[in-house]
Amino acid sequence: MTPLALSPPASARPTVLDEERRAFAALVQPLRLLEAAAVRVLPTPKFSDDPGFAGLEAKTEKTFRRAWYEWSRRAIWSWRRLEDHDFSVYTVVSDAFGRRRRGGHTCDGT
């Protein structure tokens, strides 16, 4: 088969192109892009350095800064909803509590 045999007939091309355009427009929603642009200019929050806050002892502020960084980095470079990036925060905090339960060390010994 030649590549021309795979393409739609000339009369169907406008319909196919319109379907593809609509699918792309649904994927890249302007509101999501606007939200991502807004995240770029958000100031970094002030996190508590209280060692007893959240039960992470002296690593509380570092953990929250890392969670903010991971969330904002993903939110900036995505066209998904901002709340869809919550897994990155969950991962950072879960890892921090896991290290605390294991005595402060990660699997690689650091």
C-alpha atoms as a PDB file:
ATOM      1  CA  MET A   1       0.000   0.000   0.000  1.00  0.00           C
ATOM      2  CA  THR A   2       1.207   3.495  -0.734  1.00  0.00           C
ATOM      3  CA  PRO A   3       0.952   6.349   1.806  1.00  0.00           C
ATOM      4  CA  LEU A   4      -1.698   7.965  -0.380  1.00  0.00           C
ATOM      5  CA  ALA A   5      -3.936   4.940   0.076  1.00  0.00           C
ATOM      6  CA  LEU A   6      -3.887   5.534   3.862  1.00  0.00           C
ATOM      7  CA  SER A   7      -4.909   9.183   3.709  1.00  0.00           C
ATOM      8  CA  PRO A   8      -8.604  10.113   3.621  1.00  0.00           C
ATOM      9  CA  PRO A   9     -10.145  11.151   0.324  1.00  0.00           C
ATOM     10  CA  ALA A  10      -9.902  14.854  -0.481  1.00  0.00           C
ATOM     11  CA  SER A  11     -13.595  15.370   0.284  1.00  0.00           C
ATOM     12  CA  ALA A  12     -13.169  13.970   3.828  1.00  0.00           C
ATOM     13  CA  ARG A  13     -10.000  15.903   4.711  1.00  0.00           C
ATOM     14  CA  PRO A  14     -11.743  19.040   6.033  1.00  0.00           C
ATOM     15  CA  THR A  15     -13.849  16.867   8.342  1.00  0.00           C
ATOM     16  CA  VAL A  16     -10.803  14.929   9.570  1.00  0.00           C
ATOM     17  CA  LEU A  17      -8.832  18.140  10.108  1.00  0.00           C
ATOM     18  CA  ASP A  18     -11.714  19.689  12.014  1.00  0.00           C
ATOM     19  CA  GLU A  19     -11.985  16.600  14.247  1.00  0.00           C
ATOM     20  CA  GLU A  20      -8.247  16.745  14.950  1.00  0.00           C
ATOM     21  CA  ARG A  21      -8.405  20.472  15.696  1.00  0.00           C
ATOM     22  CA  ARG A  22     -11.278  19.962  18.147  1.00  0.00           C
ATOM     23  CA  ALA A  23      -9.456  17.098  19.871  1.00  0.00           C
ATOM     24  CA  PHE A  24      -6.344  19.250  20.300  1.00  0.00           C
ATOM     25  CA  ALA A  25      -8.377  22.227  21.537  1.00  0.00           C
ATOM     26  CA  ALA A  26     -10.060  20.004  24.128  1.00  0.00           C
ATOM     27  CA  LEU A  27      -6.660  18.783  25.279  1.00  0.00           C
ATOM     28  CA  VAL A  28      -5.089  22.230  25.549  1.00  0.00           C
ATOM     29  CA  GLN A  29      -7.659  24.199  27.482  1.00  0.00           C
ATOM     30  CA  PRO A  30      -6.899  27.922  27.851  1.00  0.00           C
ATOM     31  CA  LEU A  31      -7.860  27.919  31.542  1.00  0.00           C
ATOM     32  CA  ARG A  32      -5.240  25.237  32.302  1.00  0.00           C
ATOM     33  CA  LEU A  33      -2.565  27.197  30.441  1.00  0.00           C
ATOM     34  CA  LEU A  34      -3.529  30.368  32.320  1.00  0.00           C
ATOM     35  CA  GLU A  35      -3.288  28.538  35.650  1.00  0.00           C
ATOM     36  CA  ALA A  36       0.152  27.193  34.730  1.00  0.00           C
ATOM     37  CA  ALA A  37       1.303  30.707  33.825  1.00  0.00           C
ATOM     38  CA  ALA A  38       0.018  32.015  37.165  1.00  0.00           C
ATOM     39  CA  VAL A  39       2.010  29.402  39.095  1.00  0.00           C
ATOM     40  CA  ARG A  40       5.211  30.817  37.587  1.00  0.00           C
ATOM     41  CA  VAL A  41       4.709  34.127  39.401  1.00  0.00           C
ATOM     42  CA  LEU A  42       3.484  32.783  42.739  1.00  0.00           C
ATOM     43  CA  PRO A  43       5.886  33.582  45.573  1.00  0.00           C
ATOM     44  CA  THR A  44       7.343  30.647  47.459  1.00  0.00           C
ATOM     45  CA  PRO A  45       5.278  30.199  50.618  1.00  0.00           C
ATOM     46  CA  LYS A  46       6.837  30.732  54.042  1.00  0.00           C
ATOM     47  CA  PHE A  47       6.974  27.337  55.701  1.00  0.00           C
ATOM     48  CA  SER A  48       7.210  26.745  59.427  1.00  0.00           C
ATOM     49  CA  ASP A  49      10.657  25.852  60.725  1.00  0.00           C
ATOM     50  CA  ASP A  50       9.157  24.624  63.989  1.00  0.00           C
ATOM     51  CA  PRO A  51      10.738  21.180  64.468  1.00  0.00           C
ATOM     52  CA  GLY A  52       7.550  19.796  66.017  1.00  0.00           C
ATOM     53  CA  PHE A  53       5.299  20.892  63.167  1.00  0.00           C
ATOM     54  CA  ALA A  54       3.868  17.987  61.149  1.00  0.00           C
ATOM     55  CA  GLY A  55       6.008  15.467  63.048  1.00  0.00           C
ATOM     56  CA  LEU A  56       8.974  15.747  60.692  1.00  0.00           C
ATOM     57  CA  GLU A  57      11.257  17.311  63.305  1.00  0.00           C
ATOM     58  CA  ALA A  58      14.096  19.433  61.888  1.00  0.00           C
ATOM     59  CA  LYS A  59      13.312  18.467  58.277  1.00  0.00           C
ATOM     60  CA  THR A  60       9.832  20.018  58.214  1.00  0.00           C
ATOM     61  CA  GLU A  61      10.730  23.186  56.315  1.00  0.00           C
ATOM     62  CA  LYS A  62      13.001  21.351  53.871  1.00  0.00           C
ATOM     63  CA  THR A  63      10.283  18.768  53.172  1.00  0.00           C
ATOM     64  CA  PHE A  64       7.606  21.383  52.540  1.00  0.00           C
ATOM     65  CA  ARG A  65       9.927  23.415  50.298  1.00  0.00           C
ATOM     66  CA  ARG A  66      10.668  20.303  48.276  1.00  0.00           C
ATOM     67  CA  ALA A  67       6.956  19.476  48.025  1.00  0.00           C
ATOM     68  CA  TRP A  68       6.243  23.031  46.832  1.00  0.00           C
ATOM     69  CA  TYR A  69       9.056  22.803  44.281  1.00  0.00           C
ATOM     70  CA  GLU A  70       7.851  19.462  42.906  1.00  0.00           C
ATOM     71  CA  TRP A  71       4.227  20.590  42.678  1.00  0.00           C
ATOM     72  CA  SER A  72       4.976  23.971  41.113  1.00  0.00           C
ATOM     73  CA  ARG A  73       7.480  22.521  38.621  1.00  0.00           C
ATOM     74  CA  ARG A  74       4.910  20.010  37.380  1.00  0.00           C
ATOM     75  CA  ALA A  75       2.110  22.593  37.368  1.00  0.00           C
ATOM     76  CA  ILE A  76       4.159  25.053  35.308  1.00  0.00           C
ATOM     77  CA  TRP A  77       4.961  22.573  32.542  1.00  0.00           C
ATOM     78  CA  SER A  78       1.585  20.875  32.254  1.00  0.00           C
ATOM     79  CA  TRP A  79      -1.828  21.610  30.831  1.00  0.00           C
ATOM     80  CA  ARG A  80      -3.534  19.491  33.453  1.00  0.00           C
ATOM     81  CA  ARG A  81      -5.565  20.960  36.341  1.00  0.00           C
ATOM     82  CA  LEU A  82      -3.463  22.296  39.215  1.00  0.00           C
ATOM     83  CA  GLU A  83      -5.014  19.856  41.643  1.00  0.00           C
ATOM     84  CA  ASP A  84      -3.981  16.950  39.405  1.00  0.00           C
ATOM     85  CA  HIS A  85      -0.405  17.435  40.599  1.00  0.00           C
ATOM     86  CA  ASP A  86      -1.160  16.551  44.214  1.00  0.00           C
ATOM     87  CA  PHE A  87       0.559  13.186  43.822  1.00  0.00           C
ATOM     88  CA  SER A  88       3.938  14.941  43.659  1.00  0.00           C
ATOM     89  CA  VAL A  89       3.278  16.511  47.078  1.00  0.00           C
ATOM     90  CA  TYR A  90       2.022  13.219  48.463  1.00  0.00           C
ATOM     91  CA  THR A  91       5.187  11.464  47.265  1.00  0.00           C
ATOM     92  CA  VAL A  92       7.552  13.969  48.883  1.00  0.00           C
ATOM     93  CA  VAL A  93       5.735  13.929  52.228  1.00  0.00           C
ATOM     94  CA  SER A  94       5.325  10.141  52.229  1.00  0.00           C
ATOM     95  CA  ASP A  95       9.031   9.703  51.498  1.00  0.00           C
ATOM     96  CA  ALA A  96       9.903  12.060  54.366  1.00  0.00           C
ATOM     97  CA  PHE A  97       7.760  10.111  56.827  1.00  0.00           C
ATOM     98  CA  GLY A  98       9.161   6.848  55.469  1.00  0.00           C
ATOM     99  CA  ARG A  99      12.730   8.052  56.086  1.00  0.00           C
ATOM    100  CA  ARG A 100      11.725   9.107  59.598  1.00  0.00           C
ATOM    101  CA  ARG A 101      10.300   5.633  60.320  1.00  0.00           C
ATOM    102  CA  ARG A 102      13.490   4.014  58.968  1.00  0.00           C
ATOM    103  CA  GLY A 103      15.680   6.162  61.179  1.00  0.00           C
ATOM    104  CA  GLY A 104      16.387   9.039  58.779  1.00  0.00           C
ATOM    105  CA  HIS A 105      17.975   7.078  55.967  1.00  0.00           C
ATOM    106  CA  THR A 106      16.789   6.487  52.422  1.00  0.00           C
ATOM    107  CA  CYS A 107      17.142   3.186  50.613  1.00  0.00           C
ATOM    108  CA  ASP A 108      20.459   4.313  49.094  1.00  0.00           C
ATOM    109  CA  GLY A 109      21.936   4.936  52.566  1.00  0.00           C
ATOM    110  CA  THR A 110      21.835   8.747  52.555  1.00  0.00           C
END
